[in-house]
Protein backbone atom coordinates (compact mmCIF):
# COMPACT_ATOMS: atom_id res chain seq x y z
CA MET A 1 -13.16 -66.09 -29.62
CA GLY A 2 -13.40 -69.31 -31.60
CA ARG A 3 -14.21 -72.65 -30.72
CA ASN A 4 -10.37 -73.67 -31.13
CA ASN A 5 -9.35 -70.71 -28.79
CA ILE A 6 -11.87 -72.04 -25.78
CA THR A 7 -10.30 -75.61 -26.24
CA GLY A 8 -7.13 -73.85 -26.76
CA ALA A 9 -6.98 -72.51 -23.41
CA TRP A 10 -8.39 -74.56 -22.04
CA GLY A 11 -5.56 -76.79 -22.75
CA GLU A 12 -3.43 -74.48 -21.21
CA ALA A 13 -4.55 -74.43 -18.06
CA LEU A 14 -4.89 -78.20 -17.85
CA ALA A 15 -1.38 -78.32 -18.44
CA ALA A 16 -0.60 -75.04 -16.01
CA GLU A 17 -2.01 -77.16 -13.27
CA TYR A 18 -0.13 -80.14 -13.85
CA LEU A 19 3.26 -78.35 -14.56
CA GLN A 20 1.95 -76.50 -10.50
CA LYS A 21 1.13 -80.09 -9.26
CA LYS A 22 5.16 -81.00 -10.57
CA GLY A 23 6.40 -78.52 -8.83
CA TYR A 24 6.43 -75.52 -11.42
CA ARG A 25 5.77 -72.09 -10.72
CA LEU A 26 4.04 -70.54 -13.66
CA VAL A 27 6.10 -67.00 -15.40
CA ALA A 28 3.55 -66.37 -18.45
CA ALA A 29 1.44 -67.42 -20.35
CA GLY A 30 0.41 -66.92 -23.97
CA TYR A 31 3.48 -64.60 -23.95
CA ARG A 32 3.79 -63.16 -27.92
CA SER A 33 6.48 -60.96 -29.80
CA ARG A 34 6.76 -61.02 -33.42
CA PHE A 35 8.07 -63.56 -33.81
CA GLY A 36 5.15 -66.04 -32.50
CA GLU A 37 3.83 -67.75 -29.28
CA ILE A 38 4.61 -69.49 -26.56
CA ASP A 39 1.70 -71.55 -25.08
CA LEU A 40 3.36 -71.79 -21.35
CA ILE A 41 6.66 -70.23 -18.68
CA ALA A 42 7.51 -71.91 -16.25
CA SER A 43 10.49 -72.25 -13.83
CA ASN A 44 11.62 -74.48 -11.04
CA ARG A 45 14.96 -74.20 -9.49
CA ARG A 46 17.22 -75.41 -12.61
CA TYR A 47 15.30 -74.66 -15.82
CA LEU A 48 13.36 -71.99 -17.03
CA VAL A 49 11.31 -73.94 -19.86
CA PHE A 50 8.89 -72.44 -22.50
CA VAL A 51 6.04 -74.94 -22.87
CA GLU A 52 4.19 -75.86 -26.21
CA VAL A 53 0.37 -76.97 -25.27
CA LYS A 54 -0.54 -79.79 -27.41
CA LEU A 55 -4.48 -80.35 -26.80
CA ARG A 56 -4.98 -83.32 -29.23
CA LYS A 57 -8.58 -85.93 -29.76
CA SER A 58 -6.13 -88.49 -30.44
CA ASP A 59 -3.12 -90.20 -31.20
CA ARG A 60 -4.75 -91.65 -33.92
CA PHE A 61 -2.91 -89.85 -36.88
CA ALA A 62 0.52 -88.68 -35.25
CA GLN A 63 1.93 -87.84 -31.58
CA ALA A 64 0.85 -84.37 -30.70
CA MET A 65 4.88 -84.18 -30.75
CA GLU A 66 4.57 -84.35 -34.43
CA PHE A 67 2.53 -80.92 -34.91
CA VAL A 68 5.59 -79.66 -33.21
CA ASP A 69 7.98 -79.33 -36.46
CA LEU A 70 11.56 -77.50 -37.05
CA ARG A 71 9.64 -74.90 -38.80
CA LYS A 72 7.42 -74.20 -35.58
CA GLN A 73 10.97 -74.69 -33.33
CA GLY A 74 12.96 -72.09 -34.75
CA ARG A 75 9.82 -69.54 -34.40
CA ILE A 76 9.59 -70.37 -30.75
CA ARG A 77 13.18 -70.58 -29.91
CA THR A 78 13.44 -67.00 -30.91
CA THR A 79 10.19 -65.68 -29.20
CA ALA A 80 12.60 -67.50 -26.28
CA SER A 81 15.16 -65.07 -27.80
CA VAL A 82 12.99 -62.00 -27.22
CA TYR A 83 11.85 -62.62 -24.16
CA LEU A 84 15.26 -64.09 -22.36
CA ALA A 85 16.15 -60.28 -24.08
CA GLN A 86 13.39 -58.80 -21.99
CA ASN A 87 13.98 -61.01 -19.09
CA PRO A 88 17.31 -62.42 -18.10
CA THR A 89 18.04 -65.38 -15.88
CA GLU A 90 20.49 -66.99 -14.14
CA LEU A 91 18.21 -70.66 -15.26
CA GLN A 92 19.06 -72.62 -17.59
CA PRO A 93 16.69 -72.73 -20.48
CA ARG A 94 14.46 -75.72 -21.64
CA PHE A 95 11.88 -76.50 -24.46
CA ASP A 96 9.34 -78.47 -23.67
CA VAL A 97 5.57 -79.86 -25.01
CA ILE A 98 2.80 -81.23 -22.76
CA GLU A 99 0.88 -83.13 -25.00
CA ILE A 100 -3.65 -83.68 -23.99
CA TYR A 101 -4.92 -86.16 -24.90
CA ALA A 102 -9.05 -84.93 -24.75
CA PRO A 103 -11.18 -87.31 -26.64
CA GLU A 104 -14.57 -85.50 -25.91
CA GLY A 105 -12.95 -82.17 -26.12
CA THR A 106 -13.17 -80.02 -22.96
CA ALA A 107 -16.01 -82.79 -21.86
CA THR A 108 -13.30 -85.34 -21.00
CA SER A 109 -13.34 -85.94 -17.77
CA HIS A 110 -9.63 -87.59 -17.41
CA PRO A 111 -7.55 -86.34 -20.00
CA VAL A 112 -3.98 -87.62 -20.43
CA ILE A 113 -1.63 -86.18 -20.01
CA HIS A 114 2.01 -86.49 -21.46
CA HIS A 115 5.09 -83.68 -20.41
CA LEU A 116 7.71 -84.09 -23.08
CA GLU A 117 11.24 -82.83 -21.29
CA ASP A 118 13.48 -80.81 -23.88
CA ALA A 119 11.45 -81.98 -26.62
CA PHE A 120 13.39 -80.16 -29.24
CA GLN A 121 16.35 -82.07 -30.67
């Protein structure tokens, strides 16, 4: 496992913990289809949330959300459609981005987490 996979898994675990503290139930992590991957899938009473986690050392060059471009959003939407076809639900689908800023990478003791609900345009 490369360094980015380790930090990616660390960021996704932080995001999952954050969502659970907010009352979400984790449904899946690292869901893959032939179209792409969804980092986390979580639910609450109203929504089934497809979450893209972005881990950055800082927002000096761009906010993490800016790395989720329209092409990436399209792949996530298509992958979410595959998931929904296999796992029907009455919940409303929603696409969120969780930005995590960790200046010291996995050694960061207090990473900053921003949860952007309904983040796709």
